[in-house]
Amino acid sequence: MRHIENQRATITNIVILIVSAILGFIVEKKFSPDLFPLSLLLVILGVYGAITTAKLYERHQFAQARLDHWYKHIDKLHPDAQILHLRDISDAEHRKQYPRIAKLRLHRLWIILHVAIALLGIVVTIVIL
């Protein structure tokens, strides 16, 4: 799962770097109409980032589901270890300490960032036209 998060971070960093360069170039050229393809590229990068983030979240959930099955199996084999019980206690303590923010899913924040990039591309496209 760490590898999946590293992939998400790398993709997001690359998208932000490219978007920043494109935006700087567009602004420097004063939103010239011949930069229309670059403004569309902003939209494409934003959509790509959002879809990739969603896919990586799906892979993360897949890995977490496997872990959950392993935890259940280990708990059956060694009930005195109380792995699931301890996990539930820890989860409850965390939710109590951070009641509001614990409900917010991190992948949604990353998707919102990429959607914002796509929307920025749309706005830049409208300004260019």
N, C-alpha and C. Protein backbone atom coordinates (compact mmCIF):
# COMPACT_ATOMS: atom_id res chain seq x y z
N MET A 1 0.82 -1.18 0.00
CA MET A 1 0.00 0.00 0.00
C MET A 1 0.87 1.26 0.00
N ARG A 2 2.03 1.16 0.58
CA ARG A 2 2.95 2.30 0.55
C ARG A 2 3.37 2.59 -0.89
N HIS A 3 3.59 1.54 -1.66
CA HIS A 3 3.97 1.70 -3.06
C HIS A 3 2.86 2.43 -3.83
N ILE A 4 1.62 2.08 -3.56
CA ILE A 4 0.49 2.72 -4.22
C ILE A 4 0.46 4.21 -3.88
N GLU A 5 0.67 4.55 -2.62
CA GLU A 5 0.69 5.95 -2.21
C GLU A 5 1.86 6.70 -2.85
N ASN A 6 2.99 6.04 -2.97
CA ASN A 6 4.14 6.66 -3.63
C ASN A 6 3.83 6.93 -5.11
N GLN A 7 3.14 6.00 -5.75
CA GLN A 7 2.74 6.20 -7.14
C GLN A 7 1.80 7.40 -7.26
N ARG A 8 0.84 7.49 -6.36
CA ARG A 8 -0.10 8.61 -6.39
C ARG A 8 0.63 9.93 -6.20
N ALA A 9 1.54 9.97 -5.26
CA ALA A 9 2.30 11.19 -4.99
C ALA A 9 3.15 11.57 -6.21
N THR A 10 3.78 10.61 -6.83
CA THR A 10 4.63 10.87 -8.00
C THR A 10 3.80 11.41 -9.16
N ILE A 11 2.68 10.77 -9.43
CA ILE A 11 1.82 11.22 -10.53
C ILE A 11 1.31 12.63 -10.26
N THR A 12 0.86 12.88 -9.03
CA THR A 12 0.36 14.21 -8.68
C THR A 12 1.45 15.26 -8.82
N ASN A 13 2.64 14.95 -8.36
CA ASN A 13 3.76 15.90 -8.48
C ASN A 13 4.09 16.20 -9.94
N ILE A 14 4.09 15.17 -10.77
CA ILE A 14 4.38 15.37 -12.20
C ILE A 14 3.29 16.23 -12.84
N VAL A 15 2.03 15.92 -12.53
CA VAL A 15 0.92 16.70 -13.09
C VAL A 15 1.04 18.16 -12.67
N ILE A 16 1.28 18.40 -11.38
CA ILE A 16 1.39 19.78 -10.89
C ILE A 16 2.58 20.50 -11.53
N LEU A 17 3.68 19.82 -11.70
CA LEU A 17 4.85 20.43 -12.34
C LEU A 17 4.54 20.83 -13.78
N ILE A 18 3.93 19.93 -14.54
CA ILE A 18 3.60 20.23 -15.94
C ILE A 18 2.56 21.35 -16.02
N VAL A 19 1.54 21.27 -15.17
CA VAL A 19 0.49 22.29 -15.16
C VAL A 19 1.09 23.66 -14.83
N SER A 20 1.97 23.71 -13.85
CA SER A 20 2.61 24.98 -13.49
C SER A 20 3.39 25.57 -14.66
N ALA A 21 4.13 24.73 -15.37
CA ALA A 21 4.91 25.19 -16.52
C ALA A 21 3.99 25.70 -17.63
N ILE A 22 2.94 24.94 -17.91
CA ILE A 22 2.00 25.35 -18.96
C ILE A 22 1.32 26.67 -18.58
N LEU A 23 0.88 26.77 -17.35
CA LEU A 23 0.21 27.99 -16.91
C LEU A 23 1.13 29.19 -16.99
N GLY A 24 2.37 29.02 -16.55
CA GLY A 24 3.34 30.10 -16.63
C GLY A 24 3.56 30.54 -18.07
N PHE A 25 3.66 29.57 -18.97
CA PHE A 25 3.86 29.88 -20.38
C PHE A 25 2.66 30.60 -20.97
N ILE A 26 1.45 30.14 -20.64
CA ILE A 26 0.22 30.77 -21.15
C ILE A 26 0.10 32.21 -20.65
N VAL A 27 0.38 32.41 -19.39
CA VAL A 27 0.30 33.77 -18.82
C VAL A 27 1.36 34.67 -19.45
N GLU A 28 2.54 34.14 -19.64
CA GLU A 28 3.63 34.93 -20.24
C GLU A 28 3.26 35.37 -21.67
N LYS A 29 2.57 34.50 -22.38
CA LYS A 29 2.16 34.80 -23.76
C LYS A 29 0.81 35.51 -23.81
N LYS A 30 0.32 35.95 -22.64
CA LYS A 30 -0.90 36.74 -22.51
C LYS A 30 -2.14 36.06 -23.11
N PHE A 31 -2.29 34.78 -22.81
CA PHE A 31 -3.47 34.02 -23.21
C PHE A 31 -3.73 34.09 -24.72
N SER A 32 -2.69 33.96 -25.47
CA SER A 32 -2.76 34.00 -26.93
C SER A 32 -3.60 32.83 -27.45
N PRO A 33 -4.45 33.07 -28.48
CA PRO A 33 -5.31 32.01 -29.02
C PRO A 33 -4.54 30.80 -29.56
N ASP A 34 -3.31 30.98 -29.98
CA ASP A 34 -2.54 29.84 -30.50
C ASP A 34 -2.12 28.87 -29.39
N LEU A 35 -2.40 29.23 -28.13
CA LEU A 35 -2.08 28.35 -27.00
C LEU A 35 -3.27 27.48 -26.59
N PHE A 36 -4.29 27.50 -27.42
CA PHE A 36 -5.48 26.69 -27.15
C PHE A 36 -5.15 25.21 -26.87
N PRO A 37 -4.27 24.57 -27.66
CA PRO A 37 -3.94 23.16 -27.36
C PRO A 37 -3.35 22.97 -25.95
N LEU A 38 -2.58 23.94 -25.50
CA LEU A 38 -2.00 23.82 -24.15
C LEU A 38 -3.08 23.92 -23.07
N SER A 39 -4.09 24.77 -23.33
CA SER A 39 -5.18 24.88 -22.35
C SER A 39 -5.97 23.58 -22.29
N LEU A 40 -6.13 22.92 -23.43
CA LEU A 40 -6.80 21.62 -23.44
C LEU A 40 -5.95 20.57 -22.71
N LEU A 41 -4.65 20.70 -22.83
CA LEU A 41 -3.76 19.78 -22.12
C LEU A 41 -3.94 19.91 -20.61
N LEU A 42 -4.21 21.11 -20.12
CA LEU A 42 -4.50 21.28 -18.69
C LEU A 42 -5.72 20.47 -18.28
N VAL A 43 -6.75 20.52 -19.11
CA VAL A 43 -7.97 19.75 -18.82
C VAL A 43 -7.65 18.26 -18.82
N ILE A 44 -6.94 17.82 -19.83
CA ILE A 44 -6.59 16.39 -19.95
C ILE A 44 -5.76 15.93 -18.75
N LEU A 45 -4.79 16.74 -18.34
CA LEU A 45 -3.96 16.37 -17.19
C LEU A 45 -4.79 16.27 -15.91
N GLY A 46 -5.72 17.21 -15.73
CA GLY A 46 -6.58 17.17 -14.55
C GLY A 46 -7.45 15.93 -14.53
N VAL A 47 -8.05 15.61 -15.66
CA VAL A 47 -8.91 14.42 -15.76
C VAL A 47 -8.08 13.15 -15.55
N TYR A 48 -6.92 13.10 -16.19
CA TYR A 48 -6.03 11.95 -16.03
C TYR A 48 -5.64 11.76 -14.56
N GLY A 49 -5.27 12.84 -13.90
CA GLY A 49 -4.89 12.75 -12.49
C GLY A 49 -6.03 12.25 -11.62
N ALA A 50 -7.24 12.73 -11.88
CA ALA A 50 -8.41 12.31 -11.09
C ALA A 50 -8.70 10.82 -11.30
N ILE A 51 -8.66 10.39 -12.56
CA ILE A 51 -8.93 8.97 -12.85
C ILE A 51 -7.84 8.08 -12.27
N THR A 52 -6.59 8.50 -12.41
CA THR A 52 -5.48 7.70 -11.87
C THR A 52 -5.57 7.62 -10.35
N THR A 53 -5.90 8.72 -9.70
CA THR A 53 -6.05 8.72 -8.25
C THR A 53 -7.16 7.78 -7.82
N ALA A 54 -8.27 7.79 -8.54
CA ALA A 54 -9.38 6.89 -8.22
C ALA A 54 -8.96 5.43 -8.40
N LYS A 55 -8.23 5.14 -9.46
CA LYS A 55 -7.76 3.77 -9.70
C LYS A 55 -6.78 3.32 -8.62
N LEU A 56 -5.88 4.19 -8.24
CA LEU A 56 -4.92 3.83 -7.19
C LEU A 56 -5.63 3.61 -5.86
N TYR A 57 -6.69 4.37 -5.60
CA TYR A 57 -7.48 4.14 -4.39
C TYR A 57 -8.14 2.76 -4.45
N GLU A 58 -8.64 2.39 -5.62
CA GLU A 58 -9.23 1.05 -5.79
C GLU A 58 -8.19 -0.03 -5.49
N ARG A 59 -6.97 0.14 -5.96
CA ARG A 59 -5.91 -0.85 -5.71
C ARG A 59 -5.57 -0.89 -4.22
N HIS A 60 -5.57 0.28 -3.59
CA HIS A 60 -5.31 0.35 -2.15
C HIS A 60 -6.39 -0.42 -1.39
N GLN A 61 -7.64 -0.24 -1.78
CA GLN A 61 -8.75 -0.94 -1.12
C GLN A 61 -8.66 -2.44 -1.35
N PHE A 62 -8.19 -2.84 -2.52
CA PHE A 62 -7.97 -4.25 -2.82
C PHE A 62 -6.95 -4.85 -1.86
N ALA A 63 -5.83 -4.13 -1.68
CA ALA A 63 -4.79 -4.61 -0.76
C ALA A 63 -5.31 -4.63 0.67
N GLN A 64 -6.10 -3.63 1.06
CA GLN A 64 -6.65 -3.59 2.41
C GLN A 64 -7.62 -4.75 2.64
N ALA A 65 -8.41 -5.10 1.64
CA ALA A 65 -9.34 -6.22 1.75
C ALA A 65 -8.58 -7.53 1.97
N ARG A 66 -7.46 -7.68 1.27
CA ARG A 66 -6.63 -8.87 1.48
C ARG A 66 -6.12 -8.93 2.93
N LEU A 67 -5.64 -7.79 3.40
CA LEU A 67 -5.16 -7.73 4.79
C LEU A 67 -6.26 -8.10 5.77
N ASP A 68 -7.45 -7.59 5.52
CA ASP A 68 -8.57 -7.89 6.41
C ASP A 68 -8.85 -9.39 6.47
N HIS A 69 -8.76 -10.05 5.32
CA HIS A 69 -8.95 -11.51 5.30
C HIS A 69 -7.83 -12.22 6.07
N TRP A 70 -6.61 -11.74 5.92
CA TRP A 70 -5.49 -12.34 6.66
C TRP A 70 -5.67 -12.13 8.16
N TYR A 71 -6.09 -10.93 8.56
CA TYR A 71 -6.33 -10.66 9.98
C TYR A 71 -7.37 -11.61 10.54
N LYS A 72 -8.45 -11.81 9.80
CA LYS A 72 -9.52 -12.71 10.26
C LYS A 72 -9.01 -14.14 10.39
N HIS A 73 -8.21 -14.55 9.43
CA HIS A 73 -7.66 -15.91 9.48
C HIS A 73 -6.72 -16.08 10.67
N ILE A 74 -5.85 -15.12 10.88
CA ILE A 74 -4.92 -15.17 12.02
C ILE A 74 -5.70 -15.15 13.33
N ASP A 75 -6.76 -14.34 13.36
CA ASP A 75 -7.59 -14.26 14.57
C ASP A 75 -8.27 -15.60 14.87
N LYS A 76 -8.67 -16.34 13.83
CA LYS A 76 -9.25 -17.67 14.03
C LYS A 76 -8.21 -18.65 14.55
N LEU A 77 -7.00 -18.57 13.99
CA LEU A 77 -5.94 -19.49 14.39
C LEU A 77 -5.43 -19.19 15.80
N HIS A 78 -5.40 -17.91 16.16
CA HIS A 78 -4.88 -17.48 17.47
C HIS A 78 -5.86 -16.50 18.11
N PRO A 79 -6.96 -17.00 18.62
CA PRO A 79 -7.98 -16.10 19.17
C PRO A 79 -7.50 -15.30 20.38
N ASP A 80 -6.53 -15.82 21.11
CA ASP A 80 -6.02 -15.10 22.28
C ASP A 80 -5.25 -13.83 21.90
N ALA A 81 -4.79 -13.77 20.68
CA ALA A 81 -4.05 -12.57 20.23
C ALA A 81 -4.99 -11.37 20.11
N GLN A 82 -6.24 -11.59 19.86
CA GLN A 82 -7.27 -10.55 19.77
C GLN A 82 -6.91 -9.44 18.78
N ILE A 83 -6.40 -9.83 17.65
CA ILE A 83 -5.96 -8.86 16.65
C ILE A 83 -7.12 -7.97 16.20
N LEU A 84 -8.24 -8.56 15.86
CA LEU A 84 -9.38 -7.77 15.38
C LEU A 84 -9.95 -6.88 16.49
N HIS A 85 -9.99 -7.41 17.68
CA HIS A 85 -10.50 -6.63 18.81
C HIS A 85 -9.61 -5.41 19.08
N LEU A 86 -8.30 -5.62 19.07
CA LEU A 86 -7.37 -4.51 19.28
C LEU A 86 -7.45 -3.48 18.15
N ARG A 87 -7.63 -3.97 16.93
CA ARG A 87 -7.78 -3.05 15.80
C ARG A 87 -9.04 -2.21 15.97
N ASP A 88 -10.14 -2.84 16.39
CA ASP A 88 -11.40 -2.11 16.59
C ASP A 88 -11.28 -1.07 17.69
N ILE A 89 -10.58 -1.41 18.75
CA ILE A 89 -10.37 -0.45 19.85
C ILE A 89 -9.56 0.75 19.34
N SER A 90 -8.50 0.46 18.61
CA SER A 90 -7.65 1.53 18.07
C SER A 90 -8.44 2.42 17.12
N ASP A 91 -9.24 1.83 16.26
CA ASP A 91 -10.07 2.60 15.33
C ASP A 91 -11.06 3.49 16.07
N ALA A 92 -11.67 2.95 17.10
CA ALA A 92 -12.65 3.73 17.89
C ALA A 92 -11.98 4.90 18.60
N GLU A 93 -10.79 4.67 19.15
CA GLU A 93 -10.05 5.76 19.82
C GLU A 93 -9.69 6.86 18.82
N HIS A 94 -9.29 6.45 17.65
CA HIS A 94 -8.92 7.42 16.61
C HIS A 94 -10.13 8.25 16.20
N ARG A 95 -11.26 7.58 15.96
CA ARG A 95 -12.48 8.31 15.57
C ARG A 95 -12.94 9.25 16.67
N LYS A 96 -12.72 8.86 17.93
CA LYS A 96 -13.11 9.72 19.05
C LYS A 96 -12.20 10.95 19.12
N GLN A 97 -10.91 10.77 18.85
CA GLN A 97 -9.95 11.86 18.92
C GLN A 97 -10.13 12.84 17.74
N TYR A 98 -10.51 12.30 16.57
CA TYR A 98 -10.67 13.12 15.36
C TYR A 98 -12.04 12.85 14.74
N PRO A 99 -13.13 13.24 15.41
CA PRO A 99 -14.46 12.84 14.94
C PRO A 99 -14.84 13.37 13.56
N ARG A 100 -14.49 14.58 13.24
CA ARG A 100 -14.90 15.15 11.94
C ARG A 100 -13.96 14.74 10.82
N ILE A 101 -12.68 14.94 11.05
CA ILE A 101 -11.72 14.72 9.97
C ILE A 101 -11.55 13.23 9.65
N ALA A 102 -11.84 12.35 10.61
CA ALA A 102 -11.71 10.91 10.37
C ALA A 102 -12.72 10.43 9.32
N LYS A 103 -13.82 11.16 9.16
CA LYS A 103 -14.84 10.78 8.18
C LYS A 103 -14.44 11.16 6.75
N LEU A 104 -13.53 12.12 6.64
CA LEU A 104 -13.11 12.60 5.33
C LEU A 104 -12.13 11.61 4.70
N ARG A 105 -12.42 11.20 3.50
CA ARG A 105 -11.57 10.24 2.79
C ARG A 105 -10.47 10.99 2.05
N LEU A 106 -9.23 10.61 2.28
CA LEU A 106 -8.07 11.29 1.71
C LEU A 106 -8.08 11.25 0.18
N HIS A 107 -8.48 10.15 -0.39
CA HIS A 107 -8.47 10.06 -1.86
C HIS A 107 -9.40 11.09 -2.48
N ARG A 108 -10.45 11.47 -1.77
CA ARG A 108 -11.36 12.49 -2.30
C ARG A 108 -10.66 13.85 -2.40
N LEU A 109 -9.81 14.15 -1.43
CA LEU A 109 -9.06 15.41 -1.49
C LEU A 109 -8.14 15.44 -2.71
N TRP A 110 -7.48 14.31 -2.98
CA TRP A 110 -6.59 14.25 -4.14
C TRP A 110 -7.38 14.35 -5.44
N ILE A 111 -8.54 13.72 -5.49
CA ILE A 111 -9.38 13.81 -6.68
C ILE A 111 -9.85 15.25 -6.88
N ILE A 112 -10.24 15.92 -5.80
CA ILE A 112 -10.67 17.31 -5.88
C ILE A 112 -9.55 18.18 -6.44
N LEU A 113 -8.31 17.94 -6.02
CA LEU A 113 -7.17 18.70 -6.54
C LEU A 113 -7.08 18.55 -8.06
N HIS A 114 -7.19 17.32 -8.55
CA HIS A 114 -7.07 17.07 -9.98
C HIS A 114 -8.27 17.62 -10.76
N VAL A 115 -9.44 17.53 -10.16
CA VAL A 115 -10.63 18.12 -10.80
C VAL A 115 -10.46 19.64 -10.88
N ALA A 116 -9.90 20.24 -9.84
CA ALA A 116 -9.65 21.68 -9.86
C ALA A 116 -8.69 22.05 -10.98
N ILE A 117 -7.71 21.20 -11.23
CA ILE A 117 -6.78 21.44 -12.34
C ILE A 117 -7.53 21.39 -13.67
N ALA A 118 -8.42 20.40 -13.82
CA ALA A 118 -9.21 20.30 -15.05
C ALA A 118 -10.11 21.54 -15.21
N LEU A 119 -10.72 21.99 -14.12
CA LEU A 119 -11.57 23.18 -14.18
C LEU A 119 -10.75 24.43 -14.52
N LEU A 120 -9.55 24.50 -13.97
CA LEU A 120 -8.66 25.60 -14.31
C LEU A 120 -8.36 25.58 -15.80
N GLY A 121 -8.14 24.41 -16.35
CA GLY A 121 -7.91 24.27 -17.79
C GLY A 121 -9.10 24.77 -18.60
N ILE A 122 -10.30 24.46 -18.12
CA ILE A 122 -11.51 24.93 -18.81
C ILE A 122 -11.59 26.46 -18.77
N VAL A 123 -11.32 27.03 -17.59
CA VAL A 123 -11.35 28.49 -17.46
C VAL A 123 -10.31 29.13 -18.37
N VAL A 124 -9.11 28.59 -18.38
CA VAL A 124 -8.05 29.13 -19.25
C VAL A 124 -8.46 29.01 -20.71
N THR A 125 -9.08 27.90 -21.08
CA THR A 125 -9.56 27.72 -22.45
C THR A 125 -10.58 28.78 -22.81
N ILE A 126 -11.51 29.05 -21.91
CA ILE A 126 -12.54 30.08 -22.16
C ILE A 126 -11.89 31.45 -22.30
N VAL A 127 -10.92 31.75 -21.45
CA VAL A 127 -10.22 33.05 -21.53
C VAL A 127 -9.47 33.17 -22.85
N ILE A 128 -8.85 32.11 -23.29
CA ILE A 128 -8.10 32.12 -24.54
C ILE A 128 -9.03 32.34 -25.74
N LEU A 129 -10.18 31.71 -25.69
CA LEU A 129 -11.12 31.84 -26.83
C LEU A 129 -11.78 33.20 -26.78
